[in-house]
Amino acid sequence: MGQILHGSAKTTHAIRGELQRSQASVASLAKRFCINEKTVLK
């Protein structure tokens, strides 16, 4: 079953998990997923 996202949501559960496991820099992750650095830090 699909995931229902908030209208302004930029990340899914899968993306958030990948962000948490990644060893890459905040800036590179933000650029890769087209999201703000503050969003990556959350």
Protein backbone atom coordinates (compact mmCIF):
# COMPACT_ATOMS: atom_id res chain seq x y z
CA MET A 1 0.00 0.00 0.00
CA GLY A 2 1.28 3.50 -0.84
CA GLN A 3 2.33 6.13 1.58
CA ILE A 4 0.14 9.22 2.05
CA LEU A 5 2.25 12.37 2.28
CA HIS A 6 1.41 15.81 3.61
CA GLY A 7 0.93 18.34 0.82
CA SER A 8 4.27 20.05 1.47
CA ALA A 9 6.23 16.92 2.45
CA LYS A 10 9.59 16.56 0.69
CA THR A 11 10.78 13.24 2.13
CA THR A 12 9.37 9.73 2.49
CA HIS A 13 10.17 7.13 5.12
CA ALA A 14 12.68 5.55 2.73
CA ILE A 15 14.51 8.84 2.10
CA ARG A 16 14.62 9.67 5.82
CA GLY A 17 16.10 6.25 6.55
CA GLU A 18 18.73 6.73 3.87
CA LEU A 19 19.61 10.16 5.28
CA GLN A 20 20.09 8.67 8.74
CA ARG A 21 22.31 5.81 7.52
CA SER A 22 24.41 7.93 5.17
CA GLN A 23 27.96 9.00 5.96
CA ALA A 24 27.88 11.76 3.32
CA SER A 25 27.97 15.45 4.19
CA VAL A 26 24.81 17.40 4.91
CA ALA A 27 25.41 19.62 1.87
CA SER A 28 25.82 16.69 -0.53
CA LEU A 29 22.70 14.95 0.80
CA ALA A 30 20.66 18.14 0.50
CA LYS A 31 21.79 18.57 -3.09
CA ARG A 32 21.18 14.90 -3.95
CA PHE A 33 17.60 14.89 -2.66
CA CYS A 34 16.82 18.53 -3.60
CA ILE A 35 15.98 19.48 -0.03
CA ASN A 36 17.21 22.13 2.40
CA GLU A 37 20.20 21.39 4.65
CA LYS A 38 18.00 22.06 7.70
CA THR A 39 15.67 19.31 6.51
CA VAL A 40 18.61 16.89 6.29
CA LEU A 41 19.63 17.75 9.85
CA LYS A 42 16.15 17.03 11.20
